[in-house]
N, C-alpha and C. Protein backbone atom coordinates (compact mmCIF):
# COMPACT_ATOMS: atom_id res chain seq x y z
N MET A 1 11.78 -12.47 8.14
CA MET A 1 10.87 -11.37 7.87
C MET A 1 10.14 -10.95 9.14
N PHE A 2 9.69 -11.89 9.94
CA PHE A 2 8.93 -11.55 11.14
C PHE A 2 9.82 -10.93 12.22
N ILE A 3 11.08 -11.33 12.27
CA ILE A 3 11.98 -10.84 13.31
C ILE A 3 12.73 -9.59 12.86
N HIS A 4 13.33 -9.65 11.69
CA HIS A 4 14.20 -8.57 11.23
C HIS A 4 13.54 -7.61 10.25
N GLY A 5 12.40 -8.00 9.69
CA GLY A 5 11.74 -7.16 8.69
C GLY A 5 12.40 -7.31 7.34
N ILE A 6 11.86 -6.63 6.37
CA ILE A 6 12.40 -6.64 5.01
C ILE A 6 12.77 -5.20 4.65
N GLY A 7 13.98 -5.00 4.20
CA GLY A 7 14.42 -3.67 3.82
C GLY A 7 13.86 -3.26 2.48
N PHE A 8 13.61 -1.96 2.34
CA PHE A 8 13.18 -1.43 1.04
C PHE A 8 13.63 0.02 0.91
N ASP A 9 13.66 0.49 -0.34
CA ASP A 9 14.07 1.85 -0.65
C ASP A 9 12.83 2.73 -0.68
N SER A 10 12.67 3.58 0.31
CA SER A 10 11.46 4.39 0.40
C SER A 10 11.53 5.68 -0.40
N SER A 11 12.66 5.95 -1.05
CA SER A 11 12.77 7.20 -1.81
C SER A 11 11.86 7.21 -3.02
N SER A 12 11.42 6.04 -3.48
CA SER A 12 10.54 5.98 -4.64
C SER A 12 9.07 6.19 -4.26
N LEU A 13 8.78 6.29 -2.95
CA LEU A 13 7.42 6.52 -2.49
C LEU A 13 7.23 8.00 -2.18
N ARG A 14 6.31 8.63 -2.87
CA ARG A 14 6.08 10.07 -2.70
C ARG A 14 5.80 10.40 -1.23
N GLY A 15 6.53 11.37 -0.70
CA GLY A 15 6.31 11.84 0.66
C GLY A 15 7.06 11.07 1.73
N PHE A 16 7.84 10.07 1.36
CA PHE A 16 8.56 9.31 2.38
C PHE A 16 9.93 9.94 2.60
N GLN A 17 11.00 9.32 2.18
CA GLN A 17 12.34 9.79 2.51
C GLN A 17 13.10 10.25 1.27
N HIS A 18 14.15 11.05 1.52
CA HIS A 18 15.07 11.45 0.46
C HIS A 18 15.99 10.28 0.15
N ILE A 19 16.64 10.32 -1.00
CA ILE A 19 17.49 9.22 -1.45
C ILE A 19 18.61 8.92 -0.46
N TYR A 20 19.14 9.94 0.22
CA TYR A 20 20.26 9.73 1.14
C TYR A 20 19.83 9.13 2.49
N GLU A 21 18.52 9.02 2.73
CA GLU A 21 18.04 8.42 3.97
C GLU A 21 16.87 7.48 3.70
N SER A 22 16.93 6.78 2.58
CA SER A 22 15.77 6.07 2.09
C SER A 22 15.62 4.62 2.56
N ASP A 23 16.63 4.06 3.20
CA ASP A 23 16.51 2.69 3.66
C ASP A 23 15.51 2.60 4.80
N MET A 24 14.52 1.73 4.66
CA MET A 24 13.49 1.54 5.68
C MET A 24 13.22 0.04 5.80
N LEU A 25 12.52 -0.33 6.86
CA LEU A 25 12.11 -1.72 7.07
C LEU A 25 10.60 -1.81 7.05
N ILE A 26 10.11 -2.89 6.51
CA ILE A 26 8.69 -3.21 6.63
C ILE A 26 8.59 -4.48 7.45
N ARG A 27 7.79 -4.44 8.49
CA ARG A 27 7.69 -5.58 9.41
C ARG A 27 6.21 -5.87 9.66
N PRO A 28 5.79 -7.14 9.55
CA PRO A 28 4.38 -7.47 9.77
C PRO A 28 3.95 -7.27 11.22
N ASP A 29 2.71 -6.83 11.38
CA ASP A 29 2.10 -6.71 12.71
C ASP A 29 1.32 -8.00 12.94
N LEU A 30 1.87 -8.88 13.73
CA LEU A 30 1.29 -10.21 13.90
C LEU A 30 -0.09 -10.19 14.56
N GLU A 31 -0.42 -9.12 15.27
CA GLU A 31 -1.74 -9.01 15.90
C GLU A 31 -2.85 -8.82 14.87
N THR A 32 -2.50 -8.48 13.63
CA THR A 32 -3.50 -8.24 12.59
C THR A 32 -3.63 -9.41 11.62
N MET A 33 -2.97 -10.52 11.89
CA MET A 33 -2.92 -11.67 11.00
C MET A 33 -4.31 -12.29 10.79
N PHE A 34 -4.61 -12.66 9.54
CA PHE A 34 -5.87 -13.34 9.23
C PHE A 34 -5.71 -14.15 7.95
N ILE A 35 -6.56 -15.14 7.78
CA ILE A 35 -6.60 -15.91 6.54
C ILE A 35 -7.46 -15.12 5.56
N ASP A 36 -6.92 -14.82 4.40
CA ASP A 36 -7.63 -14.03 3.41
C ASP A 36 -8.76 -14.86 2.80
N PRO A 37 -10.01 -14.48 3.02
CA PRO A 37 -11.13 -15.29 2.53
C PRO A 37 -11.37 -15.18 1.03
N PHE A 38 -10.70 -14.26 0.35
CA PHE A 38 -10.93 -14.05 -1.07
C PHE A 38 -9.92 -14.74 -1.97
N MET A 39 -8.91 -15.38 -1.39
CA MET A 39 -7.89 -16.06 -2.18
C MET A 39 -8.28 -17.52 -2.39
N ASP A 40 -7.99 -18.05 -3.59
CA ASP A 40 -8.28 -19.46 -3.88
C ASP A 40 -7.40 -20.37 -3.03
N ASP A 41 -6.12 -20.01 -2.92
CA ASP A 41 -5.20 -20.79 -2.09
C ASP A 41 -5.15 -20.17 -0.70
N PRO A 42 -4.99 -20.99 0.34
CA PRO A 42 -4.89 -20.42 1.69
C PRO A 42 -3.78 -19.37 1.75
N THR A 43 -4.14 -18.16 2.14
CA THR A 43 -3.20 -17.04 2.14
C THR A 43 -3.28 -16.31 3.46
N LEU A 44 -2.15 -16.20 4.11
CA LEU A 44 -2.05 -15.48 5.36
C LEU A 44 -1.77 -14.00 5.06
N SER A 45 -2.58 -13.12 5.59
CA SER A 45 -2.41 -11.68 5.37
C SER A 45 -2.29 -10.97 6.70
N PHE A 46 -1.68 -9.79 6.67
CA PHE A 46 -1.54 -8.99 7.87
C PHE A 46 -1.19 -7.57 7.47
N LEU A 47 -1.41 -6.64 8.39
CA LEU A 47 -0.98 -5.27 8.18
C LEU A 47 0.50 -5.19 8.52
N LYS A 48 1.11 -4.06 8.25
CA LYS A 48 2.55 -3.91 8.45
C LYS A 48 2.86 -2.63 9.19
N ASN A 49 4.08 -2.55 9.67
CA ASN A 49 4.62 -1.33 10.24
C ASN A 49 5.88 -0.98 9.46
N ILE A 50 6.09 0.29 9.25
CA ILE A 50 7.32 0.75 8.61
C ILE A 50 8.21 1.33 9.69
N GLN A 51 9.47 0.88 9.71
CA GLN A 51 10.39 1.28 10.76
C GLN A 51 11.71 1.80 10.19
N ASP A 52 12.35 2.65 10.98
CA ASP A 52 13.70 3.10 10.68
C ASP A 52 14.63 1.93 11.00
N PRO A 53 15.49 1.54 10.08
CA PRO A 53 16.35 0.37 10.32
C PRO A 53 17.42 0.60 11.39
N LEU A 54 17.79 1.84 11.63
CA LEU A 54 18.83 2.12 12.62
C LEU A 54 18.27 2.21 14.03
N THR A 55 17.15 2.93 14.19
CA THR A 55 16.58 3.14 15.52
C THR A 55 15.51 2.12 15.88
N GLN A 56 14.99 1.41 14.89
CA GLN A 56 13.89 0.46 15.06
C GLN A 56 12.58 1.16 15.45
N GLN A 57 12.54 2.48 15.38
CA GLN A 57 11.34 3.24 15.71
C GLN A 57 10.36 3.19 14.54
N ILE A 58 9.06 3.20 14.88
CA ILE A 58 8.03 3.25 13.85
C ILE A 58 8.18 4.58 13.10
N TYR A 59 8.07 4.52 11.78
CA TYR A 59 8.24 5.70 10.95
C TYR A 59 7.03 6.61 11.07
N SER A 60 7.25 7.88 11.37
CA SER A 60 6.16 8.83 11.65
C SER A 60 5.26 9.09 10.44
N ARG A 61 5.73 8.81 9.24
CA ARG A 61 4.91 9.03 8.05
C ARG A 61 4.22 7.76 7.55
N ASP A 62 4.35 6.69 8.30
CA ASP A 62 3.64 5.46 7.97
C ASP A 62 2.15 5.77 8.03
N THR A 63 1.41 5.47 6.98
CA THR A 63 -0.01 5.83 6.92
C THR A 63 -0.80 5.20 8.06
N ARG A 64 -0.37 4.05 8.52
CA ARG A 64 -1.04 3.40 9.64
C ARG A 64 -0.85 4.21 10.93
N VAL A 65 0.34 4.74 11.13
CA VAL A 65 0.64 5.56 12.31
C VAL A 65 -0.17 6.86 12.26
N ILE A 66 -0.26 7.45 11.09
CA ILE A 66 -1.03 8.69 10.94
C ILE A 66 -2.50 8.44 11.28
N THR A 67 -3.03 7.33 10.80
CA THR A 67 -4.43 6.99 11.09
C THR A 67 -4.63 6.76 12.59
N GLN A 68 -3.72 6.07 13.23
CA GLN A 68 -3.83 5.82 14.66
C GLN A 68 -3.78 7.12 15.46
N ARG A 69 -2.90 8.05 15.05
CA ARG A 69 -2.84 9.35 15.74
C ARG A 69 -4.13 10.13 15.55
N ALA A 70 -4.71 10.07 14.34
CA ALA A 70 -5.97 10.77 14.08
C ALA A 70 -7.10 10.20 14.93
N GLU A 71 -7.14 8.88 15.06
CA GLU A 71 -8.17 8.25 15.89
C GLU A 71 -8.04 8.69 17.35
N LYS A 72 -6.82 8.73 17.86
CA LYS A 72 -6.60 9.17 19.24
C LYS A 72 -7.02 10.63 19.42
N PHE A 73 -6.73 11.47 18.43
CA PHE A 73 -7.10 12.88 18.50
C PHE A 73 -8.61 13.04 18.56
N VAL A 74 -9.31 12.31 17.70
CA VAL A 74 -10.78 12.40 17.68
C VAL A 74 -11.35 11.92 19.01
N GLU A 75 -10.86 10.82 19.53
CA GLU A 75 -11.33 10.30 20.81
C GLU A 75 -11.05 11.28 21.95
N ALA A 76 -9.86 11.88 21.95
CA ALA A 76 -9.49 12.81 23.01
C ALA A 76 -10.31 14.09 22.99
N ASN A 77 -10.86 14.41 21.84
CA ASN A 77 -11.64 15.64 21.71
C ASN A 77 -13.15 15.38 21.75
N GLY A 78 -13.54 14.22 22.24
CA GLY A 78 -14.95 13.95 22.48
C GLY A 78 -15.77 13.57 21.28
N HIS A 79 -15.15 13.27 20.18
CA HIS A 79 -15.89 12.86 18.98
C HIS A 79 -15.81 11.35 18.87
N HIS A 80 -16.93 10.70 19.01
CA HIS A 80 -16.95 9.24 18.94
C HIS A 80 -17.73 8.81 17.71
N GLY A 81 -17.19 7.75 17.03
CA GLY A 81 -17.75 7.20 15.81
C GLY A 81 -19.18 7.01 15.83
């Protein structure tokens, strides 16, 4: 999972891919790893990246990528939190 990711069918997610191009990968972002403090059993949690399985490129409609682009836009235009 950490090296190759996990494949999934993104055609069932609104706004992602059409059925003929729906194979995608979900891969954990190890830099975001943390122990979930709200779970009874020790649970490792992390954010993920969605990638194209053929090109290995981050998927442009991944909500995390969209948020990162928005943050860069706000910073570049002089608006700071």
